[in-house]
Amino acid sequence: ADWRGIGIIPASGLKLRKEYEHFDAEKVFTLKLEPVKEAKGCICGAILRGVKTPTDCKLFRKVCFPEHPVGPCMVSSEGACAAYYQYGVD
């Protein structure tokens, strides 16, 4: 699987068992999955690895905030950047 911020780790993805394949959206629907590209300037991968913090990001609080998330770390209220933004951690 291709893990955000880490890269490809062979044999690390999750799949439904054969008996549950009829619930697998990839098998039921014709889907064309394309690789996800991080937005230019977004350091979410480094934040998820613990190498950087949201305040290290040049986009944080300037163009990236909960109402206009640039990267996945700001999209969810549980995301690292959203938590920093919400609770005022500098």
N, C-alpha and C. Protein backbone atom coordinates (compact mmCIF):
# COMPACT_ATOMS: atom_id res chain seq x y z
N ALA A 1 0.84 -1.19 0.00
CA ALA A 1 0.00 0.00 0.00
C ALA A 1 0.88 1.24 0.00
N ASP A 2 0.33 2.32 -0.52
CA ASP A 2 1.02 3.60 -0.54
C ASP A 2 0.49 4.42 0.63
N TRP A 3 1.31 4.61 1.63
CA TRP A 3 0.90 5.31 2.86
C TRP A 3 1.32 6.76 2.80
N ARG A 4 0.37 7.65 3.08
CA ARG A 4 0.60 9.08 3.02
C ARG A 4 1.78 9.47 3.91
N GLY A 5 2.73 10.16 3.31
CA GLY A 5 3.88 10.64 4.05
C GLY A 5 4.98 9.63 4.26
N ILE A 6 4.70 8.36 3.96
CA ILE A 6 5.70 7.32 4.17
C ILE A 6 6.14 6.73 2.84
N GLY A 7 5.19 6.47 1.97
CA GLY A 7 5.49 5.85 0.69
C GLY A 7 4.94 4.44 0.62
N ILE A 8 5.46 3.66 -0.30
CA ILE A 8 4.96 2.31 -0.51
C ILE A 8 5.63 1.33 0.44
N ILE A 9 4.79 0.55 1.13
CA ILE A 9 5.26 -0.53 1.98
C ILE A 9 4.59 -1.80 1.44
N PRO A 10 5.39 -2.69 0.84
CA PRO A 10 4.81 -3.90 0.25
C PRO A 10 4.04 -4.74 1.27
N ALA A 11 2.95 -5.33 0.82
CA ALA A 11 2.12 -6.24 1.61
C ALA A 11 1.59 -5.61 2.90
N SER A 12 1.35 -4.30 2.88
CA SER A 12 0.87 -3.63 4.10
C SER A 12 -0.57 -3.17 4.01
N GLY A 13 -1.19 -3.28 2.85
CA GLY A 13 -2.56 -2.81 2.68
C GLY A 13 -3.58 -3.77 3.27
N LEU A 14 -4.76 -3.27 3.50
CA LEU A 14 -5.85 -4.09 4.03
C LEU A 14 -6.83 -4.43 2.92
N LYS A 15 -7.39 -5.62 2.98
CA LYS A 15 -8.36 -6.08 2.00
C LYS A 15 -9.45 -6.86 2.70
N LEU A 16 -10.62 -6.89 2.08
CA LEU A 16 -11.69 -7.74 2.59
C LEU A 16 -11.40 -9.19 2.20
N ARG A 17 -11.81 -10.10 3.06
CA ARG A 17 -11.67 -11.53 2.74
C ARG A 17 -12.52 -11.88 1.54
N LYS A 18 -12.16 -12.97 0.88
CA LYS A 18 -12.86 -13.44 -0.32
C LYS A 18 -14.38 -13.53 -0.09
N GLU A 19 -14.77 -14.00 1.07
CA GLU A 19 -16.20 -14.17 1.36
C GLU A 19 -16.96 -12.84 1.43
N TYR A 20 -16.23 -11.73 1.58
CA TYR A 20 -16.87 -10.41 1.67
C TYR A 20 -16.60 -9.53 0.45
N GLU A 21 -16.05 -10.11 -0.62
CA GLU A 21 -15.72 -9.34 -1.82
C GLU A 21 -16.92 -8.60 -2.40
N HIS A 22 -18.11 -9.11 -2.18
CA HIS A 22 -19.30 -8.44 -2.73
C HIS A 22 -19.57 -7.09 -2.05
N PHE A 23 -18.84 -6.79 -0.97
CA PHE A 23 -18.92 -5.48 -0.32
C PHE A 23 -17.77 -4.56 -0.74
N ASP A 24 -16.85 -5.07 -1.52
CA ASP A 24 -15.65 -4.32 -1.91
C ASP A 24 -15.99 -3.38 -3.07
N ALA A 25 -15.95 -2.09 -2.82
CA ALA A 25 -16.30 -1.09 -3.84
C ALA A 25 -15.42 -1.21 -5.08
N GLU A 26 -14.16 -1.57 -4.91
CA GLU A 26 -13.28 -1.73 -6.08
C GLU A 26 -13.73 -2.87 -6.98
N LYS A 27 -14.36 -3.88 -6.41
CA LYS A 27 -14.82 -5.02 -7.19
C LYS A 27 -16.25 -4.80 -7.71
N VAL A 28 -17.09 -4.14 -6.93
CA VAL A 28 -18.50 -3.94 -7.29
C VAL A 28 -18.66 -2.86 -8.36
N PHE A 29 -17.90 -1.76 -8.23
CA PHE A 29 -18.01 -0.64 -9.16
C PHE A 29 -16.76 -0.56 -10.04
N THR A 30 -16.90 0.05 -11.17
CA THR A 30 -15.74 0.26 -12.03
C THR A 30 -15.06 1.55 -11.56
N LEU A 31 -13.99 1.38 -10.84
CA LEU A 31 -13.27 2.54 -10.30
C LEU A 31 -11.90 2.66 -10.94
N LYS A 32 -11.53 3.88 -11.22
CA LYS A 32 -10.18 4.14 -11.71
C LYS A 32 -9.49 4.97 -10.63
N LEU A 33 -8.69 4.31 -9.82
CA LEU A 33 -8.00 5.00 -8.74
C LEU A 33 -6.69 5.57 -9.24
N GLU A 34 -6.49 6.84 -8.97
CA GLU A 34 -5.27 7.51 -9.39
C GLU A 34 -4.49 7.93 -8.15
N PRO A 35 -3.18 8.00 -8.28
CA PRO A 35 -2.37 8.41 -7.12
C PRO A 35 -2.75 9.82 -6.67
N VAL A 36 -2.72 10.02 -5.37
CA VAL A 36 -3.04 11.33 -4.80
C VAL A 36 -1.75 12.14 -4.71
N LYS A 37 -1.82 13.37 -5.19
CA LYS A 37 -0.65 14.25 -5.12
C LYS A 37 -0.89 15.28 -4.02
N GLU A 38 0.13 15.49 -3.20
CA GLU A 38 0.00 16.51 -2.16
C GLU A 38 0.10 17.89 -2.79
N ALA A 39 -0.63 18.82 -2.22
CA ALA A 39 -0.61 20.19 -2.71
C ALA A 39 0.78 20.79 -2.55
N LYS A 40 1.15 21.63 -3.48
CA LYS A 40 2.47 22.27 -3.43
C LYS A 40 2.61 23.06 -2.13
N GLY A 41 3.68 22.82 -1.42
CA GLY A 41 3.94 23.52 -0.17
C GLY A 41 3.42 22.81 1.06
N CYS A 42 2.54 21.82 0.88
CA CYS A 42 1.97 21.09 2.01
C CYS A 42 3.02 20.11 2.55
N ILE A 43 3.23 20.14 3.86
CA ILE A 43 4.20 19.23 4.48
C ILE A 43 3.51 18.20 5.37
N CYS A 44 2.29 17.87 5.04
CA CYS A 44 1.51 16.93 5.85
C CYS A 44 2.24 15.60 6.06
N GLY A 45 2.91 15.10 5.04
CA GLY A 45 3.65 13.85 5.18
C GLY A 45 4.69 13.93 6.28
N ALA A 46 5.44 15.01 6.33
CA ALA A 46 6.46 15.20 7.36
C ALA A 46 5.82 15.37 8.74
N ILE A 47 4.66 16.01 8.78
CA ILE A 47 3.94 16.19 10.04
C ILE A 47 3.45 14.84 10.55
N LEU A 48 2.91 14.00 9.66
CA LEU A 48 2.44 12.68 10.07
C LEU A 48 3.57 11.79 10.56
N ARG A 49 4.77 11.97 10.01
CA ARG A 49 5.92 11.19 10.45
C ARG A 49 6.54 11.75 11.73
N GLY A 50 6.11 12.93 12.16
CA GLY A 50 6.65 13.53 13.37
C GLY A 50 7.95 14.28 13.16
N VAL A 51 8.31 14.50 11.90
CA VAL A 51 9.55 15.20 11.56
C VAL A 51 9.36 16.72 11.66
N LYS A 52 8.16 17.18 11.37
CA LYS A 52 7.81 18.61 11.43
C LYS A 52 6.52 18.78 12.21
N THR A 53 6.24 20.02 12.60
CA THR A 53 4.98 20.34 13.25
C THR A 53 4.19 21.28 12.33
N PRO A 54 2.90 21.41 12.55
CA PRO A 54 2.10 22.30 11.70
C PRO A 54 2.65 23.72 11.62
N THR A 55 3.20 24.22 12.69
CA THR A 55 3.73 25.60 12.66
C THR A 55 4.97 25.72 11.78
N ASP A 56 5.57 24.61 11.39
CA ASP A 56 6.70 24.64 10.46
C ASP A 56 6.23 24.85 9.02
N CYS A 57 4.96 24.63 8.77
CA CYS A 57 4.41 24.74 7.42
C CYS A 57 4.14 26.20 7.05
N LYS A 58 4.61 26.61 5.89
CA LYS A 58 4.41 27.99 5.43
C LYS A 58 2.95 28.28 5.09
N LEU A 59 2.16 27.22 4.87
CA LEU A 59 0.75 27.41 4.52
C LEU A 59 -0.16 27.52 5.74
N PHE A 60 0.30 27.01 6.88
CA PHE A 60 -0.50 26.94 8.11
C PHE A 60 -0.95 28.33 8.57
N ARG A 61 -2.25 28.47 8.78
CA ARG A 61 -2.92 29.70 9.22
C ARG A 61 -2.91 30.82 8.17
N LYS A 62 -2.20 30.64 7.07
CA LYS A 62 -2.17 31.68 6.03
C LYS A 62 -3.17 31.34 4.93
N VAL A 63 -2.92 30.24 4.23
CA VAL A 63 -3.86 29.79 3.20
C VAL A 63 -4.52 28.47 3.58
N CYS A 64 -4.02 27.81 4.61
CA CYS A 64 -4.56 26.53 5.05
C CYS A 64 -5.17 26.67 6.45
N PHE A 65 -6.48 26.54 6.51
CA PHE A 65 -7.21 26.62 7.78
C PHE A 65 -8.47 25.76 7.62
N PRO A 66 -9.18 25.45 8.71
CA PRO A 66 -10.30 24.49 8.61
C PRO A 66 -11.34 24.78 7.52
N GLU A 67 -11.63 26.03 7.28
CA GLU A 67 -12.63 26.37 6.25
C GLU A 67 -12.05 26.26 4.85
N HIS A 68 -10.74 26.20 4.72
CA HIS A 68 -10.06 26.08 3.43
C HIS A 68 -8.82 25.19 3.59
N PRO A 69 -9.04 23.90 3.83
CA PRO A 69 -7.89 23.00 4.04
C PRO A 69 -7.12 22.77 2.74
N VAL A 70 -5.82 22.81 2.84
CA VAL A 70 -4.97 22.53 1.68
C VAL A 70 -4.54 21.07 1.68
N GLY A 71 -4.24 20.56 2.86
CA GLY A 71 -3.80 19.17 2.97
C GLY A 71 -4.69 18.37 3.91
N PRO A 72 -4.50 17.06 3.93
CA PRO A 72 -5.35 16.18 4.74
C PRO A 72 -5.23 16.40 6.24
N CYS A 73 -4.13 16.94 6.71
CA CYS A 73 -3.96 17.16 8.15
C CYS A 73 -4.89 18.25 8.68
N MET A 74 -5.47 19.05 7.78
CA MET A 74 -6.37 20.11 8.20
C MET A 74 -7.83 19.75 7.92
N VAL A 75 -8.07 18.74 7.09
CA VAL A 75 -9.43 18.39 6.68
C VAL A 75 -10.29 17.93 7.85
N SER A 76 -9.80 16.98 8.60
CA SER A 76 -10.55 16.40 9.72
C SER A 76 -10.25 17.15 11.01
N SER A 77 -11.21 17.23 11.90
CA SER A 77 -10.96 17.89 13.20
C SER A 77 -9.93 17.12 14.02
N GLU A 78 -9.71 15.84 13.69
CA GLU A 78 -8.70 15.05 14.38
C GLU A 78 -7.31 15.20 13.76
N GLY A 79 -7.22 15.88 12.64
CA GLY A 79 -5.93 16.05 11.97
C GLY A 79 -4.99 16.91 12.80
N ALA A 80 -3.70 16.67 12.66
CA ALA A 80 -2.70 17.39 13.45
C ALA A 80 -2.79 18.90 13.25
N CYS A 81 -2.91 19.34 12.01
CA CYS A 81 -2.97 20.78 11.75
C CYS A 81 -4.26 21.40 12.28
N ALA A 82 -5.36 20.69 12.12
CA ALA A 82 -6.64 21.19 12.63
C ALA A 82 -6.61 21.31 14.14
N ALA A 83 -5.99 20.35 14.81
CA ALA A 83 -5.89 20.40 16.28
C ALA A 83 -5.02 21.58 16.71
N TYR A 84 -3.90 21.78 16.03
CA TYR A 84 -3.04 22.93 16.34
C TYR A 84 -3.81 24.22 16.12
N TYR A 85 -4.55 24.29 15.02
CA TYR A 85 -5.33 25.49 14.70
C TYR A 85 -6.41 25.74 15.75
N GLN A 86 -7.16 24.70 16.07
CA GLN A 86 -8.29 24.80 17.00
C GLN A 86 -7.87 25.17 18.41
N TYR A 87 -6.80 24.55 18.89
CA TYR A 87 -6.43 24.72 20.29
C TYR A 87 -5.27 25.69 20.51
N GLY A 88 -4.87 26.39 19.46
CA GLY A 88 -3.90 27.46 19.60
C GLY A 88 -2.50 27.05 19.97
N VAL A 89 -2.11 25.84 19.63
CA VAL A 89 -0.75 25.40 19.92
C VAL A 89 0.18 26.08 18.93
N ASP A 90 1.17 26.78 19.44
CA ASP A 90 2.14 27.47 18.56
C ASP A 90 3.49 26.82 18.61
